[in-house]
């Protein structure tokens, strides 16, 4: 038996609209999640680029400290900050101009700023625990702190690396 057309209530239309709204909300949520994940991936890539720049600057400083002929005489070696004051590597002005050494063997076009490093002489210490004789010279080694700074390609990521080097 056929029902008259004026008996229809539009339930299918309302159900269809509800399903459409639910699918739209699901699509918007998925797009927002994808956008956030893309930003996270970009930030991680920038941090990795900054880390690689700082690592390269650190290695260059190490090579200059322990070259075949000894320490590179053109390497500026600084005195650490006095206790209770801001460390040299924590001073933002330290990483500009002539306040730090620029890494020279890098393709700097991919970085927002050129990777830089500073070398500080920490202390001189005896090598052995041998008894001290009056006529035997004491063999010593010097401990250095090398700090490098790298910045990613967009300038949003900054990495500081630090090592101690015994020479």
N, C-alpha and C. Protein backbone atom coordinates (compact mmCIF):
# COMPACT_ATOMS: atom_id res chain seq x y z
N UNK A 1 0.82 -1.15 0.00
CA UNK A 1 0.00 0.00 0.00
C UNK A 1 0.88 1.24 0.00
N UNK A 2 0.52 2.22 -0.73
CA UNK A 2 1.29 3.45 -0.85
C UNK A 2 0.83 4.47 0.19
N UNK A 3 1.83 5.21 0.74
CA UNK A 3 1.46 6.26 1.70
C UNK A 3 1.43 7.59 0.98
N UNK A 4 0.61 8.47 1.38
CA UNK A 4 0.54 9.77 0.72
C UNK A 4 1.81 10.59 1.00
N UNK A 5 2.17 11.48 0.09
CA UNK A 5 3.39 12.28 0.20
C UNK A 5 3.34 13.26 1.37
N UNK A 6 2.24 13.73 1.74
CA UNK A 6 2.16 14.69 2.84
C UNK A 6 2.36 14.05 4.20
N UNK A 7 2.52 12.74 4.25
CA UNK A 7 2.75 12.01 5.49
C UNK A 7 4.25 11.94 5.84
N UNK A 8 5.15 12.38 4.97
CA UNK A 8 6.60 12.29 5.20
C UNK A 8 7.02 13.30 6.27
N UNK A 9 7.94 12.90 7.14
CA UNK A 9 8.39 13.75 8.24
C UNK A 9 9.80 14.31 8.02
N UNK A 10 10.60 13.85 7.09
CA UNK A 10 11.95 14.36 6.81
C UNK A 10 13.01 13.80 7.73
N UNK A 11 12.79 12.63 8.30
CA UNK A 11 13.76 12.01 9.22
C UNK A 11 15.04 11.66 8.48
N UNK A 12 14.93 11.20 7.26
CA UNK A 12 16.12 10.84 6.49
C UNK A 12 16.97 12.08 6.21
N UNK A 13 16.33 13.20 5.94
CA UNK A 13 17.06 14.45 5.70
C UNK A 13 17.82 14.88 6.95
N UNK A 14 17.20 14.83 8.10
CA UNK A 14 17.87 15.21 9.36
C UNK A 14 19.01 14.24 9.68
N UNK A 15 18.78 12.96 9.49
CA UNK A 15 19.84 11.97 9.74
C UNK A 15 21.01 12.20 8.78
N UNK A 16 20.72 12.49 7.55
CA UNK A 16 21.79 12.77 6.57
C UNK A 16 22.58 14.01 6.94
N UNK A 17 21.91 15.06 7.38
CA UNK A 17 22.59 16.29 7.81
C UNK A 17 23.46 16.04 9.05
N UNK A 18 22.98 15.24 9.98
CA UNK A 18 23.78 14.91 11.17
C UNK A 18 25.05 14.14 10.79
N UNK A 19 24.92 13.20 9.90
CA UNK A 19 26.09 12.44 9.45
C UNK A 19 27.07 13.37 8.73
N UNK A 20 26.55 14.30 7.92
CA UNK A 20 27.40 15.27 7.22
C UNK A 20 28.15 16.16 8.21
N UNK A 21 27.49 16.62 9.27
CA UNK A 21 28.13 17.45 10.30
C UNK A 21 29.22 16.65 11.02
N UNK A 22 28.92 15.41 11.37
CA UNK A 22 29.91 14.57 12.06
C UNK A 22 31.13 14.34 11.17
N UNK A 23 30.92 14.05 9.90
CA UNK A 23 32.05 13.84 8.98
C UNK A 23 32.85 15.13 8.79
N UNK A 24 32.18 16.27 8.75
CA UNK A 24 32.89 17.56 8.62
C UNK A 24 33.77 17.82 9.84
N UNK A 25 33.22 17.58 11.03
CA UNK A 25 34.01 17.77 12.26
C UNK A 25 35.20 16.83 12.29
N UNK A 26 35.00 15.61 11.85
CA UNK A 26 36.10 14.64 11.79
C UNK A 26 37.18 15.11 10.82
N UNK A 27 36.78 15.64 9.67
CA UNK A 27 37.74 16.14 8.68
C UNK A 27 38.51 17.35 9.19
N UNK A 28 37.83 18.27 9.88
CA UNK A 28 38.50 19.45 10.44
C UNK A 28 39.50 19.04 11.51
N UNK A 29 39.13 18.11 12.37
CA UNK A 29 40.03 17.63 13.42
C UNK A 29 41.26 16.97 12.81
N UNK A 30 41.06 16.19 11.77
CA UNK A 30 42.18 15.53 11.11
C UNK A 30 43.13 16.55 10.48
N UNK A 31 42.57 17.60 9.87
CA UNK A 31 43.42 18.64 9.27
C UNK A 31 44.22 19.38 10.34
N UNK A 32 43.59 19.69 11.47
CA UNK A 32 44.31 20.38 12.54
C UNK A 32 45.44 19.51 13.09
N UNK A 33 45.18 18.24 13.25
CA UNK A 33 46.21 17.31 13.73
C UNK A 33 47.36 17.24 12.74
N UNK A 34 47.04 17.17 11.46
CA UNK A 34 48.09 17.13 10.43
C UNK A 34 48.93 18.40 10.43
N UNK A 35 48.28 19.55 10.61
CA UNK A 35 49.00 20.82 10.65
C UNK A 35 49.95 20.87 11.84
N UNK A 36 49.49 20.43 13.00
CA UNK A 36 50.34 20.41 14.20
C UNK A 36 51.52 19.46 13.99
N UNK A 37 51.26 18.29 13.43
CA UNK A 37 52.35 17.34 13.19
C UNK A 37 53.36 17.89 12.19
N UNK A 38 52.89 18.62 11.20
CA UNK A 38 53.81 19.22 10.22
C UNK A 38 54.69 20.27 10.89
N UNK A 39 54.12 21.08 11.78
CA UNK A 39 54.91 22.07 12.52
C UNK A 39 55.94 21.39 13.41
N UNK A 40 55.53 20.30 14.07
CA UNK A 40 56.46 19.56 14.94
C UNK A 40 57.62 19.00 14.12
N UNK A 41 57.32 18.48 12.96
CA UNK A 41 58.36 17.93 12.10
C UNK A 41 59.32 19.02 11.63
N UNK A 42 58.77 20.16 11.27
CA UNK A 42 59.61 21.29 10.84
C UNK A 42 60.51 21.76 11.97
N UNK A 43 59.95 21.88 13.18
CA UNK A 43 60.75 22.29 14.33
C UNK A 43 61.87 21.30 14.63
N UNK A 44 61.57 20.02 14.51
CA UNK A 44 62.59 19.00 14.75
C UNK A 44 63.69 19.09 13.70
N UNK A 45 63.31 19.34 12.46
CA UNK A 45 64.31 19.49 11.40
C UNK A 45 65.20 20.70 11.64
N UNK A 46 64.60 21.81 12.09
CA UNK A 46 65.39 23.01 12.40
C UNK A 46 66.34 22.75 13.56
N UNK A 47 65.88 22.02 14.56
CA UNK A 47 66.75 21.70 15.70
C UNK A 47 67.90 20.80 15.27
N UNK A 48 67.62 19.84 14.41
CA UNK A 48 68.68 18.96 13.92
C UNK A 48 69.71 19.75 13.12
N UNK A 49 69.25 20.70 12.30
CA UNK A 49 70.16 21.53 11.53
C UNK A 49 71.04 22.37 12.46
N UNK A 50 70.43 22.94 13.50
CA UNK A 50 71.19 23.72 14.48
C UNK A 50 72.18 22.85 15.23
N UNK A 51 71.79 21.63 15.57
CA UNK A 51 72.68 20.69 16.26
C UNK A 51 73.88 20.35 15.38
N UNK A 52 73.64 20.09 14.11
CA UNK A 52 74.73 19.75 13.19
C UNK A 52 75.69 20.92 13.02
N UNK A 53 75.15 22.14 12.99
CA UNK A 53 76.01 23.32 12.88
C UNK A 53 76.88 23.48 14.13
N UNK A 54 76.27 23.30 15.31
CA UNK A 54 77.03 23.42 16.56
C UNK A 54 78.08 22.31 16.65
N UNK A 55 77.73 21.12 16.22
CA UNK A 55 78.67 19.99 16.24
C UNK A 55 79.86 20.25 15.32
N UNK A 56 79.60 20.80 14.14
CA UNK A 56 80.69 21.10 13.20
C UNK A 56 81.61 22.17 13.77
N UNK A 57 81.04 23.20 14.40
CA UNK A 57 81.87 24.24 15.01
C UNK A 57 82.69 23.67 16.16
N UNK A 58 82.10 22.77 16.93
CA UNK A 58 82.80 22.13 18.04
C UNK A 58 83.98 21.32 17.53
N UNK A 59 83.77 20.57 16.48
CA UNK A 59 84.86 19.75 15.90
C UNK A 59 85.97 20.62 15.35
N UNK A 60 85.62 21.75 14.73
CA UNK A 60 86.65 22.65 14.22
C UNK A 60 87.51 23.18 15.36
N UNK A 61 86.88 23.56 16.47
CA UNK A 61 87.63 24.05 17.63
C UNK A 61 88.54 22.96 18.18
N UNK A 62 88.04 21.73 18.23
CA UNK A 62 88.86 20.61 18.71
C UNK A 62 90.09 20.40 17.84
N UNK A 63 89.90 20.48 16.54
CA UNK A 63 91.03 20.31 15.61
C UNK A 63 92.05 21.41 15.82
N UNK A 64 91.58 22.63 16.03
CA UNK A 64 92.51 23.74 16.24
C UNK A 64 93.23 23.63 17.58
N UNK A 65 92.60 22.96 18.55
CA UNK A 65 93.25 22.77 19.85
C UNK A 65 94.29 21.66 19.81
N UNK A 66 94.04 20.62 19.04
CA UNK A 66 94.93 19.46 19.08
C UNK A 66 95.53 19.14 17.71
N UNK A 67 95.93 20.17 16.99
CA UNK A 67 96.56 19.96 15.69
C UNK A 67 97.92 19.31 15.81
N UNK A 68 98.51 18.96 14.69
CA UNK A 68 99.81 18.28 14.68
C UNK A 68 100.92 19.12 15.30
N UNK A 69 100.87 20.41 15.07
CA UNK A 69 101.91 21.28 15.62
C UNK A 69 101.54 21.88 16.96
N UNK A 70 100.54 21.34 17.62
CA UNK A 70 100.08 21.90 18.88
C UNK A 70 98.89 22.81 18.65
N UNK A 71 98.63 23.64 19.62
CA UNK A 71 97.47 24.54 19.54
C UNK A 71 97.71 25.59 18.47
N UNK A 72 96.69 25.82 17.66
CA UNK A 72 96.74 26.85 16.62
C UNK A 72 97.00 28.20 17.28
N UNK A 73 98.10 28.88 16.92
CA UNK A 73 98.42 30.14 17.59
C UNK A 73 97.42 31.26 17.31
N UNK A 74 96.62 31.13 16.25
CA UNK A 74 95.64 32.17 15.96
C UNK A 74 94.31 31.93 16.67
N UNK A 75 94.19 30.84 17.41
CA UNK A 75 92.96 30.52 18.13
C UNK A 75 92.86 31.40 19.38
N UNK A 76 91.83 32.23 19.46
CA UNK A 76 91.69 33.05 20.67
C UNK A 76 91.22 32.20 21.84
N UNK A 77 92.00 32.20 22.91
CA UNK A 77 91.66 31.44 24.11
C UNK A 77 91.32 32.43 25.22
N UNK A 78 90.13 32.28 25.77
CA UNK A 78 89.61 33.23 26.73
C UNK A 78 89.79 32.74 28.16
N UNK A 79 89.71 33.66 29.09
CA UNK A 79 89.71 33.34 30.51
C UNK A 79 88.25 33.22 30.95
N UNK A 80 87.90 32.17 31.68
CA UNK A 80 86.50 32.01 32.09
C UNK A 80 86.03 33.18 32.96
N UNK A 81 84.73 33.36 33.00
CA UNK A 81 84.14 34.39 33.86
C UNK A 81 84.38 34.03 35.32
N UNK A 82 84.47 35.04 36.15
CA UNK A 82 84.68 34.79 37.57
C UNK A 82 83.43 34.16 38.18
N UNK A 83 83.59 33.33 39.20
CA UNK A 83 82.42 32.68 39.83
C UNK A 83 81.41 33.72 40.32
N UNK A 84 80.15 33.43 40.13
CA UNK A 84 79.09 34.33 40.55
C UNK A 84 78.63 35.29 39.46
N UNK A 85 79.36 35.33 38.34
CA UNK A 85 78.95 36.19 37.22
C UNK A 85 78.42 35.31 36.09
N UNK A 86 77.87 35.93 35.08
CA UNK A 86 77.32 35.20 33.94
C UNK A 86 78.45 34.51 33.19
N UNK A 87 78.33 33.19 32.94
CA UNK A 87 79.36 32.50 32.15
C UNK A 87 79.47 33.11 30.75
N UNK A 88 80.65 33.02 30.17
CA UNK A 88 80.87 33.60 28.84
C UNK A 88 79.89 33.06 27.82
N UNK A 89 79.64 31.77 27.85
CA UNK A 89 78.79 31.14 26.84
C UNK A 89 77.32 31.47 27.04
N UNK A 90 76.94 32.00 28.20
CA UNK A 90 75.55 32.34 28.48
C UNK A 90 75.24 33.81 28.14
N UNK A 91 76.25 34.57 27.78
CA UNK A 91 76.08 35.98 27.41
C UNK A 91 75.71 36.06 25.93
N UNK A 92 74.52 36.59 25.62
CA UNK A 92 74.06 36.61 24.22
C UNK A 92 74.95 37.48 23.34
N UNK A 93 75.60 38.49 23.89
CA UNK A 93 76.50 39.33 23.09
C UNK A 93 77.78 38.59 22.70
N UNK A 94 78.08 37.51 23.38
CA UNK A 94 79.28 36.73 23.11
C UNK A 94 79.24 36.12 21.71
N UNK A 95 78.07 35.86 21.18
CA UNK A 95 77.93 35.11 19.93
C UNK A 95 77.83 36.02 18.71
N UNK A 96 78.22 37.27 18.83
CA UNK A 96 78.19 38.18 17.68
C UNK A 96 79.58 38.75 17.45
N UNK A 97 79.82 39.16 16.22
CA UNK A 97 81.06 39.87 15.88
C UNK A 97 82.32 39.12 16.24
N UNK A 98 83.25 39.85 16.86
CA UNK A 98 84.55 39.28 17.19
C UNK A 98 84.59 38.69 18.59
N UNK A 99 83.46 38.59 19.26
CA UNK A 99 83.41 38.04 20.61
C UNK A 99 83.53 36.52 20.63
N UNK A 100 83.40 35.90 19.47
CA UNK A 100 83.54 34.45 19.35
C UNK A 100 84.13 34.15 17.98
N UNK A 101 84.57 32.93 17.81
CA UNK A 101 85.22 32.50 16.57
C UNK A 101 84.18 31.87 15.65
N UNK A 102 84.12 32.32 14.41
CA UNK A 102 83.18 31.74 13.44
C UNK A 102 83.77 30.46 12.86
N UNK A 103 82.94 29.46 12.69
CA UNK A 103 83.37 28.22 12.05
C UNK A 103 83.58 28.52 10.57
N UNK A 104 84.72 28.11 10.05
CA UNK A 104 85.09 28.56 8.70
C UNK A 104 84.79 27.56 7.59
N UNK A 105 84.77 26.27 7.88
CA UNK A 105 84.67 25.27 6.82
C UNK A 105 83.25 24.77 6.59
N UNK A 106 82.26 25.65 6.73
CA UNK A 106 80.88 25.21 6.59
C UNK A 106 80.18 25.97 5.48
N UNK A 107 79.20 25.32 4.87
CA UNK A 107 78.33 25.99 3.92
C UNK A 107 77.31 26.76 4.74
N UNK A 108 77.55 28.04 4.97
CA UNK A 108 76.71 28.82 5.88
C UNK A 108 75.43 29.31 5.23
N UNK A 109 75.21 29.03 3.97
CA UNK A 109 74.00 29.53 3.31
C UNK A 109 72.73 28.83 3.82
N UNK A 110 72.87 27.68 4.45
CA UNK A 110 71.68 26.97 4.94
C UNK A 110 71.34 27.32 6.38
N UNK A 111 72.17 28.13 7.05
CA UNK A 111 71.93 28.50 8.44
C UNK A 111 71.50 29.96 8.53
N UNK A 112 70.66 30.27 9.50
CA UNK A 112 70.24 31.65 9.72
C UNK A 112 71.41 32.50 10.23
N UNK A 113 72.28 31.87 11.01
CA UNK A 113 73.49 32.53 11.52
C UNK A 113 74.66 31.56 11.39
N UNK A 114 75.84 32.13 11.23
CA UNK A 114 77.02 31.29 11.11
C UNK A 114 77.33 30.62 12.45
N UNK A 115 77.63 29.32 12.43
CA UNK A 115 78.00 28.64 13.68
C UNK A 115 79.27 29.25 14.28
N UNK A 116 79.31 29.36 15.60
CA UNK A 116 80.45 30.00 16.27
C UNK A 116 80.87 29.18 17.48
N UNK A 117 82.08 29.45 17.98
CA UNK A 117 82.56 28.76 19.17
C UNK A 117 83.49 29.65 19.96
N UNK A 118 83.61 29.32 21.25
CA UNK A 118 84.58 29.98 22.12
C UNK A 118 85.38 28.91 22.85
N UNK A 119 86.62 29.23 23.17
CA UNK A 119 87.50 28.32 23.90
C UNK A 119 87.96 29.05 25.15
N UNK A 120 87.78 28.39 26.30
CA UNK A 120 88.21 28.96 27.57
C UNK A 120 89.25 28.05 28.20
N UNK A 121 90.32 28.64 28.74
CA UNK A 121 91.33 27.85 29.46
C UNK A 121 90.88 27.74 30.90
N UNK A 122 90.64 26.50 31.34
CA UNK A 122 90.12 26.29 32.69
C UNK A 122 91.22 26.19 33.74
N UNK A 123 92.11 25.20 33.58
CA UNK A 123 93.16 25.02 34.58
C UNK A 123 94.29 24.17 34.03
N UNK A 124 95.45 24.32 34.65
CA UNK A 124 96.62 23.51 34.33
C UNK A 124 96.77 22.52 35.47
N UNK A 125 96.98 21.24 35.12
CA UNK A 125 97.08 20.21 36.16
C UNK A 125 98.23 19.25 35.83
N UNK A 126 98.84 18.67 36.86
CA UNK A 126 99.90 17.69 36.62
C UNK A 126 99.33 16.43 35.99
N UNK A 127 100.17 15.79 35.14
CA UNK A 127 99.72 14.60 34.44
C UNK A 127 99.76 13.38 35.34
N UNK A 128 100.84 13.20 36.07
CA UNK A 128 101.03 11.99 36.87
C UNK A 128 100.96 12.31 38.35
N UNK A 129 100.79 11.26 39.14
CA UNK A 129 100.83 11.40 40.59
C UNK A 129 102.20 11.00 41.12
N UNK A 130 103.22 11.19 40.31
CA UNK A 130 104.57 10.81 40.70
C UNK A 130 105.05 11.71 41.84
N UNK A 131 105.97 11.18 42.60
CA UNK A 131 106.59 11.98 43.64
C UNK A 131 107.38 13.12 43.00
N UNK A 132 107.35 14.25 43.60
CA UNK A 132 108.03 15.41 43.04
C UNK A 132 109.48 15.44 43.51
N UNK A 133 110.39 15.29 42.58
CA UNK A 133 111.81 15.44 42.88
C UNK A 133 112.20 16.86 42.53
N UNK A 134 113.20 17.35 43.21
CA UNK A 134 113.63 18.73 42.98
C UNK A 134 114.17 18.93 41.58
N UNK A 135 114.79 17.91 41.02
CA UNK A 135 115.39 18.08 39.70
C UNK A 135 114.53 17.53 38.55
N UNK A 136 113.31 17.05 38.82
CA UNK A 136 112.43 16.50 37.79
C UNK A 136 111.34 17.52 37.45
N UNK A 137 111.27 17.90 36.19
CA UNK A 137 110.21 18.86 35.82
C UNK A 137 108.83 18.19 35.91
N UNK A 138 107.84 18.95 36.27
CA UNK A 138 106.48 18.44 36.39
C UNK A 138 105.81 18.54 35.02
N UNK A 139 105.27 17.41 34.57
CA UNK A 139 104.56 17.39 33.30
C UNK A 139 103.11 17.80 33.57
N UNK A 140 102.64 18.75 32.79
CA UNK A 140 101.28 19.25 33.01
C UNK A 140 100.46 19.18 31.72
N UNK A 141 99.15 19.19 31.89
CA UNK A 141 98.22 19.32 30.78
C UNK A 141 97.23 20.42 31.13
N UNK A 142 96.71 21.06 30.12
CA UNK A 142 95.76 22.14 30.33
C UNK A 142 94.37 21.68 29.92
N UNK A 143 93.40 22.02 30.75
CA UNK A 143 92.01 21.70 30.45
C UNK A 143 91.34 22.93 29.85
N UNK A 144 90.66 22.70 28.73
CA UNK A 144 89.93 23.76 28.04
C UNK A 144 88.45 23.41 28.00
N UNK A 145 87.62 24.44 28.01
CA UNK A 145 86.18 24.25 27.79
C UNK A 145 85.87 24.88 26.43
N UNK A 146 85.28 24.07 25.55
CA UNK A 146 84.90 24.55 24.22
C UNK A 146 83.37 24.57 24.18
N UNK A 147 82.83 25.72 23.82
CA UNK A 147 81.38 25.88 23.69
C UNK A 147 81.08 26.33 22.28
N UNK A 148 80.14 25.66 21.64
CA UNK A 148 79.76 26.05 20.28
C UNK A 148 78.26 26.33 20.23
N UNK A 149 77.89 27.15 19.26
CA UNK A 149 76.48 27.54 19.10
C UNK A 149 76.11 27.41 17.64
N UNK A 150 75.00 26.72 17.40
CA UNK A 150 74.47 26.58 16.04
C UNK A 150 73.03 27.05 16.01
N UNK A 151 72.64 27.63 14.89
CA UNK A 151 71.27 28.12 14.69
C UNK A 151 70.74 27.47 13.42
N UNK A 152 69.49 27.05 13.45
CA UNK A 152 68.87 26.41 12.29
C UNK A 152 68.66 27.37 11.14
N UNK A 153 68.05 26.89 10.09
CA UNK A 153 67.86 27.68 8.88
C UNK A 153 66.86 28.80 9.03
N UNK A 154 65.88 28.65 9.91
CA UNK A 154 64.86 29.70 10.07
C UNK A 154 65.17 30.63 11.23
N UNK A 155 66.17 30.32 12.02
CA UNK A 155 66.54 31.16 13.16
C UNK A 155 65.73 30.88 14.41
N UNK A 156 64.84 29.89 14.37
CA UNK A 156 64.00 29.60 15.52
C UNK A 156 64.61 28.57 16.46
N UNK A 157 65.56 27.80 15.98
CA UNK A 157 66.19 26.76 16.81
C UNK A 157 67.64 27.14 17.08
N UNK A 158 68.03 27.03 18.33
CA UNK A 158 69.40 27.32 18.74
C UNK A 158 69.90 26.18 19.61
N UNK A 159 71.13 25.73 19.35
CA UNK A 159 71.72 24.64 20.12
C UNK A 159 73.09 25.07 20.60
N UNK A 160 73.33 24.87 21.90
CA UNK A 160 74.66 25.08 22.48
C UNK A 160 75.23 23.73 22.87
N UNK A 161 76.47 23.47 22.46
CA UNK A 161 77.17 22.25 22.85
C UNK A 161 78.43 22.64 23.59
N UNK A 162 78.83 21.79 24.53
CA UNK A 162 79.99 22.10 25.34
C UNK A 162 80.78 20.83 25.64
N UNK A 163 82.10 20.92 25.52
CA UNK A 163 82.97 19.81 25.90
C UNK A 163 84.14 20.36 26.70
N UNK A 164 84.80 19.46 27.41
CA UNK A 164 86.08 19.81 27.99
C UNK A 164 87.14 19.03 27.24
N UNK A 165 88.27 19.67 27.02
CA UNK A 165 89.33 19.10 26.22
C UNK A 165 90.63 19.19 27.01
N UNK A 166 91.30 18.08 27.16
CA UNK A 166 92.57 18.03 27.88
C UNK A 166 93.69 18.00 26.87
N UNK A 167 94.61 18.93 26.94
CA UNK A 167 95.70 19.07 25.97
C UNK A 167 97.02 19.07 26.68
